Amino acid sequence: MIPKYRKQYNQEFSDEKYNQLKNILAEKGGTAPTFRVSESPIFLTKEFESKLIDASESIISQIKAMPPEVLQKAIPDNCRVPNDTDQPHFFTIDFGVCKSENGEIEPQLIELQAFPSLYAFQKVYEETYCEVYPFLSEIRNPMPHETFKNYLKELIVGDENPENVILLEIFPEKQKTAIDFALTEKLLGIKTVCLTKVKKEGRKLYYENNGKLTEIKRIYNRVIFDELDNIPDLTTEFDFREEVDVKWITHPNWFFKISKFLLPLLQHQFVPKSYFLHEFPENENLEDFVLKPLFSFAGSGVNLNPTKEVTDSIQDKENYILQRKVYYESIFEDINGEFSKAEIRLLYIWRENDERPILLENLGRMTKAAMVNVDFNKKDAIWIGSSNAFFG
């Protein structure tokens, strides 16, 4: 995509530098990433970046124009949490790097969510790439580290004392994203707390902080609420659906409201046509579509080649969508002359008094498999896994 930088990067690349990159990340995080870190960043043009931003801004405008009752329909009744907010605190949006019919490289929307991704990690990741490969600094994200930190601190900690703010997750030490939790703690001075350790007295929540019971006033929520039902023998003092005196960053209802549920409602040249399964028109061809459950995470339950037999057997058709297939273009050349595909996630924050969200960082994922998930790659594949995009 940017031949100059790809060529220089591939010339400078070595296994030693790759190990150096991973070692610096582990040192900064105090723990090594448990997901695969790609050997390479993703290089894309400023023109492609403009297409990404244009599509995102259009999607944001369309969401803002939707009546609140439409978004409310997305929340399963058993997952509704009290004290909803007017807008989410986070907004992330995924695009595949694809090729149009006329041969142009363009983004295509894959999905979107109002749920925090690896914000702290991605900033450190980008900075670490620049440390190991100094020439990347000329095309790095122009937002300084301090500005990035202040944005997140204002959003997550607000006016509270950091000890009254927690990052909430379920069994955080077992999560693949543990390095992001550690980096968030360092960045904001807050603690990561397991949901099973939260204590409740009346409407107030507490956690044990250095042996002292400390009130929780704000929750940076990383728990995917509908996944709690799948954890056997889970015992907690606190249920999300209870009225409690805390401020959610971001409110759990937004996980459902900004989700695959919106895909059939959005229109843009970079948004593939989607339908709810129960509204799929007869004149469309099923093999041109991917079947996705509305409420799933990290690609689980996605069927790349659904058949009529499969779709007919689904009882709750309103909880599935069919999204027109997009074809990721293999354009990111590795040192062996083979090519990877990629998708880019734009990481926005949305402050409560702002009309529109602010773009802070991006997250890239590279693959050589049919799905952008490292588990589907061959064992010896390179240029795959978590990455970061540079635009030049």
Protein backbone atom coordinates (compact mmCIF):
# COMPACT_ATOMS: atom_id res chain seq x y z
CA MET A 1 0.00 0.00 0.00
CA ILE A 2 2.89 2.41 0.74
CA PRO A 3 5.74 0.68 -1.13
CA LYS A 4 8.45 2.94 0.34
CA TYR A 5 7.71 2.05 3.95
CA ARG A 6 6.91 -1.60 3.28
CA LYS A 7 10.22 -2.02 1.46
CA GLN A 8 12.23 -0.31 4.21
CA TYR A 9 10.44 -2.25 6.93
CA ASN A 10 11.01 -5.61 5.25
CA GLN A 11 14.69 -4.75 4.71
CA GLU A 12 15.16 -3.79 8.38
CA PHE A 13 13.11 -6.67 9.80
CA SER A 14 14.85 -9.47 11.70
CA ASP A 15 13.83 -12.13 14.21
CA GLU A 16 15.98 -10.29 16.76
CA LYS A 17 13.95 -7.10 16.27
CA TYR A 18 10.69 -9.06 16.48
CA ASN A 19 11.79 -10.56 19.80
CA GLN A 20 12.90 -7.11 20.95
CA LEU A 21 9.42 -5.75 20.12
CA LYS A 22 7.73 -8.50 22.18
CA ASN A 23 10.20 -8.14 25.06
CA ILE A 24 9.66 -4.36 25.31
CA LEU A 25 5.87 -4.89 25.31
CA ALA A 26 6.19 -7.49 28.09
CA GLU A 27 8.48 -5.18 30.09
CA LYS A 28 6.13 -2.21 29.74
CA GLY A 29 3.08 -4.28 30.63
CA GLY A 30 4.70 -6.33 33.37
CA THR A 31 3.26 -9.35 31.56
CA ALA A 32 3.65 -10.74 28.04
CA PRO A 33 0.80 -10.52 25.52
CA THR A 34 -0.99 -13.89 25.43
CA PHE A 35 -2.33 -13.17 21.95
CA ARG A 36 -0.10 -13.31 18.90
CA VAL A 37 1.71 -10.07 18.11
CA SER A 38 2.27 -9.62 14.38
CA GLU A 39 5.80 -9.23 13.08
CA SER A 40 4.72 -6.20 11.08
CA PRO A 41 2.61 -3.07 11.25
CA ILE A 42 0.06 -2.38 8.51
CA PHE A 43 1.00 0.35 6.04
CA LEU A 44 -1.87 2.20 4.35
CA THR A 45 -2.16 5.40 2.36
CA LYS A 46 -3.62 8.71 3.54
CA GLU A 47 -6.22 8.23 0.81
CA PHE A 48 -7.33 4.96 2.42
CA GLU A 49 -7.39 6.66 5.83
CA SER A 50 -9.72 9.34 4.39
CA LYS A 51 -12.09 6.60 3.17
CA LEU A 52 -12.06 5.03 6.65
CA ILE A 53 -12.85 8.34 8.35
CA ASP A 54 -15.53 9.24 5.79
CA ALA A 55 -17.32 5.92 6.32
CA SER A 56 -17.03 6.19 10.12
CA GLU A 57 -18.35 9.75 10.22
CA SER A 58 -21.32 8.77 8.05
CA ILE A 59 -22.09 5.80 10.31
CA ILE A 60 -21.84 7.99 13.44
CA SER A 61 -24.27 10.51 11.89
CA GLN A 62 -26.72 7.73 11.02
CA ILE A 63 -26.59 6.31 14.56
CA LYS A 64 -27.10 9.77 16.08
CA ALA A 65 -30.21 10.22 13.92
CA MET A 66 -31.80 6.95 15.09
CA PRO A 67 -34.68 7.23 17.57
CA PRO A 68 -33.66 5.93 21.03
CA GLU A 69 -36.50 3.37 20.96
CA VAL A 70 -34.93 1.70 17.88
CA LEU A 71 -31.65 1.21 19.75
CA GLN A 72 -33.50 0.00 22.85
CA LYS A 73 -34.90 -2.92 20.82
CA ALA A 74 -31.39 -4.33 20.58
CA ILE A 75 -31.14 -5.05 24.32
CA PRO A 76 -32.28 -8.55 25.35
CA ASP A 77 -34.79 -8.22 28.19
CA ASN A 78 -32.70 -10.35 30.52
CA CYS A 79 -29.64 -8.11 29.95
CA ARG A 80 -31.18 -4.68 30.55
CA VAL A 81 -29.20 -2.61 33.06
CA PRO A 82 -30.76 0.42 34.85
CA ASN A 83 -29.63 4.07 34.49
CA ASP A 84 -28.85 4.05 30.77
CA THR A 85 -26.93 6.96 29.22
CA ASP A 86 -27.68 9.15 26.18
CA GLN A 87 -24.56 8.00 24.35
CA PRO A 88 -21.75 5.49 24.84
CA HIS A 89 -18.30 6.41 26.19
CA PHE A 90 -16.58 4.19 23.63
CA PHE A 91 -17.19 3.56 19.96
CA THR A 92 -15.13 1.11 17.91
CA ILE A 93 -15.61 0.21 14.30
CA ASP A 94 -13.98 -2.56 12.22
CA PHE A 95 -13.23 -2.39 8.50
CA GLY A 96 -11.74 -5.03 6.24
CA VAL A 97 -9.10 -3.93 3.72
CA CYS A 98 -10.81 -4.97 0.47
CA LYS A 99 -10.72 -4.37 -3.28
CA SER A 100 -13.61 -2.73 -5.13
CA GLU A 101 -14.99 -3.97 -8.46
CA ASN A 102 -12.91 -1.34 -10.26
CA GLY A 103 -9.72 -2.54 -8.54
CA GLU A 104 -9.37 0.17 -5.89
CA ILE A 105 -8.36 -0.74 -2.35
CA GLU A 106 -11.20 0.32 -0.05
CA PRO A 107 -12.55 -0.34 3.45
CA GLN A 108 -15.65 -2.43 4.01
CA LEU A 109 -17.48 -2.37 7.34
CA ILE A 110 -17.25 -5.66 9.26
CA GLU A 111 -18.82 -4.70 12.58
CA LEU A 112 -19.06 -2.01 15.23
CA GLN A 113 -19.43 -1.88 18.98
CA ALA A 114 -19.68 0.54 21.90
CA PHE A 115 -17.29 -1.49 23.99
CA PRO A 116 -13.70 -0.67 24.93
CA SER A 117 -11.00 -2.51 23.06
CA LEU A 118 -7.25 -2.49 23.77
CA TYR A 119 -6.94 1.29 24.07
CA ALA A 120 -3.96 1.41 26.48
CA PHE A 121 -2.15 -1.46 24.76
CA GLN A 122 -2.50 -0.10 21.22
CA LYS A 123 -0.89 3.24 22.10
CA VAL A 124 2.06 1.46 23.73
CA TYR A 125 2.22 -0.97 20.79
CA GLU A 126 2.46 1.87 18.28
CA GLU A 127 5.15 3.60 20.36
CA THR A 128 7.10 0.34 20.66
CA TYR A 129 7.08 -0.19 16.89
CA CYS A 130 8.60 3.30 16.60
CA GLU A 131 11.28 2.47 19.20
CA VAL A 132 12.37 -0.69 17.38
CA TYR A 133 12.02 0.89 13.90
CA PRO A 134 12.72 4.65 14.37
CA PHE A 135 11.84 5.55 10.75
CA LEU A 136 8.18 4.80 11.56
CA SER A 137 8.04 7.94 13.74
CA GLU A 138 7.56 10.09 10.62
CA ILE A 139 4.15 8.47 9.94
CA ARG A 140 3.03 7.76 13.49
CA ASN A 141 -0.28 8.86 15.01
CA PRO A 142 0.24 12.60 15.69
CA MET A 143 -1.57 12.49 19.07
CA PRO A 144 1.07 12.82 21.84
CA HIS A 145 1.11 10.22 24.63
CA GLU A 146 0.18 12.84 27.24
CA THR A 147 -2.88 14.00 25.27
CA PHE A 148 -3.98 10.39 24.81
CA LYS A 149 -3.55 9.74 28.55
CA ASN A 150 -5.50 12.88 29.51
CA TYR A 151 -8.41 11.94 27.23
CA LEU A 152 -8.69 8.47 28.77
CA LYS A 153 -8.22 9.77 32.32
CA GLU A 154 -10.94 12.39 31.87
CA LEU A 155 -13.28 9.76 30.41
CA ILE A 156 -12.68 6.87 32.80
CA VAL A 157 -11.55 8.45 36.09
CA GLY A 158 -13.32 11.80 35.71
CA ASP A 159 -13.35 13.84 38.93
CA GLU A 160 -13.07 10.80 41.21
CA ASN A 161 -10.05 9.62 43.15
CA PRO A 162 -8.49 6.77 41.08
CA GLU A 163 -8.89 4.40 44.07
CA ASN A 164 -12.69 4.74 43.69
CA VAL A 165 -12.52 3.72 40.01
CA ILE A 166 -12.00 0.12 38.89
CA LEU A 167 -11.53 -1.79 35.65
CA LEU A 168 -14.12 -4.58 35.98
CA GLU A 169 -13.63 -7.96 34.31
CA ILE A 170 -14.50 -11.57 35.04
CA PHE A 171 -11.38 -13.60 35.98
CA PRO A 172 -9.08 -10.91 34.48
CA GLU A 173 -5.92 -12.96 34.93
CA LYS A 174 -7.35 -15.57 32.51
CA GLN A 175 -8.24 -13.07 29.79
CA LYS A 176 -6.14 -12.76 26.64
CA THR A 177 -6.27 -8.99 27.09
CA ALA A 178 -4.56 -9.05 30.53
CA ILE A 179 -1.65 -6.93 29.24
CA ASP A 180 -4.11 -4.15 28.37
CA PHE A 181 -5.51 -4.24 31.92
CA ALA A 182 -1.97 -3.92 33.32
CA LEU A 183 -1.15 -1.00 31.02
CA THR A 184 -4.47 0.69 31.89
CA GLU A 185 -3.60 0.40 35.59
CA LYS A 186 -0.24 2.06 34.96
CA LEU A 187 -1.73 4.75 32.76
CA LEU A 188 -4.65 5.74 35.00
CA GLY A 189 -3.68 4.55 38.48
CA ILE A 190 -6.78 2.35 38.80
CA LYS A 191 -7.08 -1.31 39.85
CA THR A 192 -8.42 -4.27 37.88
CA VAL A 193 -11.06 -6.12 39.91
CA CYS A 194 -12.77 -9.44 39.24
CA LEU A 195 -16.57 -9.34 39.34
CA THR A 196 -16.52 -12.15 41.91
CA LYS A 197 -14.55 -9.88 44.30
CA VAL A 198 -17.02 -6.97 44.21
CA LYS A 199 -18.92 -6.57 47.50
CA LYS A 200 -22.35 -4.98 47.84
CA GLU A 201 -23.95 -3.17 50.76
CA GLY A 202 -27.32 -1.62 49.98
CA ARG A 203 -26.86 0.37 46.76
CA LYS A 204 -23.10 0.76 47.20
CA LEU A 205 -20.34 -1.41 45.75
CA TYR A 206 -16.91 -2.02 47.31
CA TYR A 207 -13.65 -3.82 46.61
CA GLU A 208 -10.68 -4.68 48.77
CA ASN A 209 -7.82 -2.29 48.07
CA ASN A 210 -4.59 -3.07 49.97
CA GLY A 211 -6.62 -4.66 52.76
CA LYS A 212 -9.08 -1.76 52.97
CA LEU A 213 -12.72 -1.92 51.85
CA THR A 214 -12.99 0.88 49.26
CA GLU A 215 -16.12 2.25 47.62
CA ILE A 216 -16.48 1.89 43.85
CA LYS A 217 -17.89 5.04 42.25
CA ARG A 218 -17.01 4.48 38.58
CA ILE A 219 -16.66 1.20 36.67
CA TYR A 220 -14.57 0.95 33.50
CA ASN A 221 -16.52 -2.07 32.32
CA ARG A 222 -14.77 -4.86 30.41
CA VAL A 223 -17.29 -7.59 31.27
CA ILE A 224 -19.35 -8.85 28.34
CA PHE A 225 -22.60 -9.17 30.21
CA ASP A 226 -24.32 -11.86 28.14
CA GLU A 227 -21.30 -14.18 28.50
CA LEU A 228 -21.79 -14.42 32.28
CA ASP A 229 -24.60 -16.94 31.76
CA ASN A 230 -22.11 -19.33 30.16
CA ILE A 231 -19.81 -19.47 33.20
CA PRO A 232 -20.68 -22.50 35.33
CA ASP A 233 -21.17 -22.04 39.09
CA LEU A 234 -20.49 -18.31 38.95
CA THR A 235 -21.17 -16.70 42.33
CA THR A 236 -21.29 -12.91 42.70
CA GLU A 237 -22.70 -10.50 45.29
CA PHE A 238 -23.66 -8.03 42.61
CA ASP A 239 -25.94 -8.40 39.58
CA PHE A 240 -25.65 -5.91 36.72
CA ARG A 241 -29.43 -5.50 36.63
CA GLU A 242 -29.58 -4.11 40.18
CA GLU A 243 -29.93 -0.41 41.00
CA VAL A 244 -26.55 0.65 42.39
CA ASP A 245 -24.78 3.96 43.00
CA VAL A 246 -22.06 3.69 40.37
CA LYS A 247 -21.32 5.36 37.06
CA TRP A 248 -20.72 2.94 34.19
CA ILE A 249 -17.96 3.74 31.68
CA THR A 250 -19.44 2.65 29.30
CA HIS A 251 -22.96 1.59 30.23
CA PRO A 252 -23.50 -2.17 29.53
CA ASN A 253 -26.67 -1.52 27.47
CA TRP A 254 -24.54 0.07 24.74
CA PHE A 255 -22.82 -3.25 24.08
CA PHE A 256 -26.10 -4.37 22.50
CA LYS A 257 -27.25 -1.05 21.02
CA ILE A 258 -24.09 -0.47 18.96
CA SER A 259 -23.61 -3.95 17.54
CA LYS A 260 -24.42 -6.19 14.58
CA PHE A 261 -28.03 -5.21 15.29
CA LEU A 262 -27.33 -1.92 13.44
CA LEU A 263 -25.81 -3.42 10.30
CA PRO A 264 -29.13 -3.82 8.40
CA LEU A 265 -30.01 -0.20 9.28
CA LEU A 266 -26.85 1.46 7.91
CA GLN A 267 -26.19 2.68 4.38
CA HIS A 268 -22.89 3.71 2.78
CA GLN A 269 -20.78 2.55 -0.16
CA PHE A 270 -18.37 0.97 2.35
CA VAL A 271 -21.15 -0.77 4.30
CA PRO A 272 -22.03 -4.22 2.87
CA LYS A 273 -25.77 -4.87 2.59
CA SER A 274 -27.14 -6.77 5.60
CA TYR A 275 -30.51 -8.22 6.57
CA PHE A 276 -32.03 -9.68 9.69
CA LEU A 277 -32.42 -13.40 8.97
CA HIS A 278 -36.22 -13.29 9.26
CA GLU A 279 -36.31 -10.44 6.69
CA PHE A 280 -33.95 -11.97 4.12
CA PRO A 281 -35.49 -11.35 0.67
CA GLU A 282 -36.10 -14.24 -1.72
CA ASN A 283 -34.37 -12.47 -4.60
CA GLU A 284 -31.00 -12.47 -2.78
CA ASN A 285 -28.58 -15.37 -3.09
CA LEU A 286 -27.72 -17.02 0.23
CA GLU A 287 -24.20 -17.99 -0.85
CA ASP A 288 -23.32 -14.29 -1.23
CA PHE A 289 -23.83 -13.78 2.53
CA VAL A 290 -22.21 -14.56 5.87
CA LEU A 291 -24.44 -15.63 8.79
CA LYS A 292 -23.71 -13.91 12.12
CA PRO A 293 -25.42 -14.21 15.49
CA LEU A 294 -26.27 -10.77 16.89
CA PHE A 295 -24.86 -11.48 20.31
CA SER A 296 -21.44 -13.04 20.01
CA PHE A 297 -17.89 -11.86 20.47
CA ALA A 298 -14.54 -12.46 18.72
CA GLY A 299 -16.12 -14.17 15.72
CA SER A 300 -17.83 -17.00 17.58
CA GLY A 301 -20.84 -18.50 15.81
CA VAL A 302 -20.04 -16.90 12.43
CA ASN A 303 -20.87 -19.14 9.45
CA LEU A 304 -19.01 -18.12 6.28
CA ASN A 305 -21.01 -20.48 4.06
CA PRO A 306 -24.56 -20.79 5.40
CA THR A 307 -27.00 -23.15 3.67
CA LYS A 308 -30.80 -22.99 3.54
CA GLU A 309 -30.85 -26.07 5.76
CA VAL A 310 -28.84 -24.16 8.40
CA THR A 311 -30.91 -20.96 8.23
CA ASP A 312 -34.22 -22.87 8.25
CA SER A 313 -33.21 -24.71 11.41
CA ILE A 314 -32.66 -21.47 13.38
CA GLN A 315 -35.61 -20.78 15.68
CA ASP A 316 -34.80 -17.21 16.79
CA LYS A 317 -34.18 -15.76 13.33
CA GLU A 318 -34.52 -12.18 14.61
CA ASN A 319 -31.26 -12.76 16.56
CA TYR A 320 -29.21 -13.40 13.40
CA ILE A 321 -28.13 -11.30 10.45
CA LEU A 322 -26.96 -12.13 6.95
CA GLN A 323 -24.21 -9.76 5.81
CA ARG A 324 -23.03 -9.61 2.19
CA LYS A 325 -19.61 -11.24 1.89
CA VAL A 326 -16.61 -8.99 1.50
CA TYR A 327 -13.29 -10.23 0.23
CA TYR A 328 -10.20 -9.12 2.08
CA GLU A 329 -7.37 -8.32 -0.30
CA SER A 330 -3.98 -9.95 0.34
CA ILE A 331 -1.71 -6.93 -0.12
CA PHE A 332 0.62 -6.87 2.89
CA GLU A 333 3.87 -8.49 1.73
CA ASP A 334 6.01 -10.43 4.19
CA ILE A 335 9.74 -11.14 3.94
CA ASN A 336 9.07 -14.41 2.05
CA GLY A 337 7.09 -12.70 -0.71
CA GLU A 338 3.77 -14.02 0.64
CA PHE A 339 0.84 -11.73 1.42
CA SER A 340 -1.44 -11.18 4.41
CA LYS A 341 -4.92 -9.71 4.68
CA ALA A 342 -5.95 -7.25 7.37
CA GLU A 343 -8.70 -5.39 9.12
CA ILE A 344 -8.53 -2.12 11.01
CA ARG A 345 -10.46 -1.17 14.14
CA LEU A 346 -10.82 2.56 14.81
CA LEU A 347 -10.84 3.33 18.54
CA TYR A 348 -12.97 6.33 19.48
CA ILE A 349 -13.97 7.83 22.82
CA TRP A 350 -17.23 9.74 23.22
CA ARG A 351 -17.24 12.30 26.02
CA GLU A 352 -20.62 13.02 27.55
CA ASN A 353 -20.90 16.62 26.38
CA ASP A 354 -19.43 16.07 22.92
CA GLU A 355 -21.60 15.95 19.81
CA ARG A 356 -19.31 13.41 18.17
CA PRO A 357 -16.66 10.91 19.29
CA ILE A 358 -12.90 11.54 19.09
CA LEU A 359 -10.58 9.11 17.29
CA LEU A 360 -7.69 8.15 19.60
CA GLU A 361 -5.92 5.17 18.04
CA ASN A 362 -6.34 2.12 15.82
CA LEU A 363 -5.96 -1.60 16.18
CA GLY A 364 -4.93 -3.84 13.30
CA ARG A 365 -5.32 -7.57 12.79
CA MET A 366 -3.47 -9.52 10.11
CA THR A 367 -4.18 -13.00 8.77
CA LYS A 368 -3.48 -15.44 5.99
CA ALA A 369 -6.65 -17.44 6.78
CA ALA A 370 -10.28 -17.14 5.68
CA MET A 371 -11.24 -15.45 8.96
CA VAL A 372 -9.30 -12.73 10.77
CA ASN A 373 -8.49 -14.93 13.71
CA VAL A 374 -5.01 -16.25 14.41
CA ASP A 375 -6.39 -19.68 15.39
CA PHE A 376 -7.26 -20.33 11.73
CA ASN A 377 -3.72 -19.76 10.42
CA LYS A 378 -1.07 -22.37 9.63
CA LYS A 379 1.37 -22.93 12.48
CA ASP A 380 4.40 -21.44 10.69
CA ALA A 381 2.57 -18.41 9.22
CA ILE A 382 4.12 -14.97 9.76
CA TRP A 383 2.71 -11.43 9.38
CA ILE A 384 -0.36 -12.54 11.34
CA GLY A 385 -1.94 -11.44 14.61
CA SER A 386 -2.43 -8.17 16.44
CA SER A 387 -0.97 -5.13 14.71
CA ASN A 388 -1.19 -1.36 14.32
CA ALA A 389 -1.81 0.69 11.19
CA PHE A 390 0.43 3.51 10.01
CA PHE A 391 -0.88 5.93 7.36
CA GLY A 392 1.53 7.73 5.07
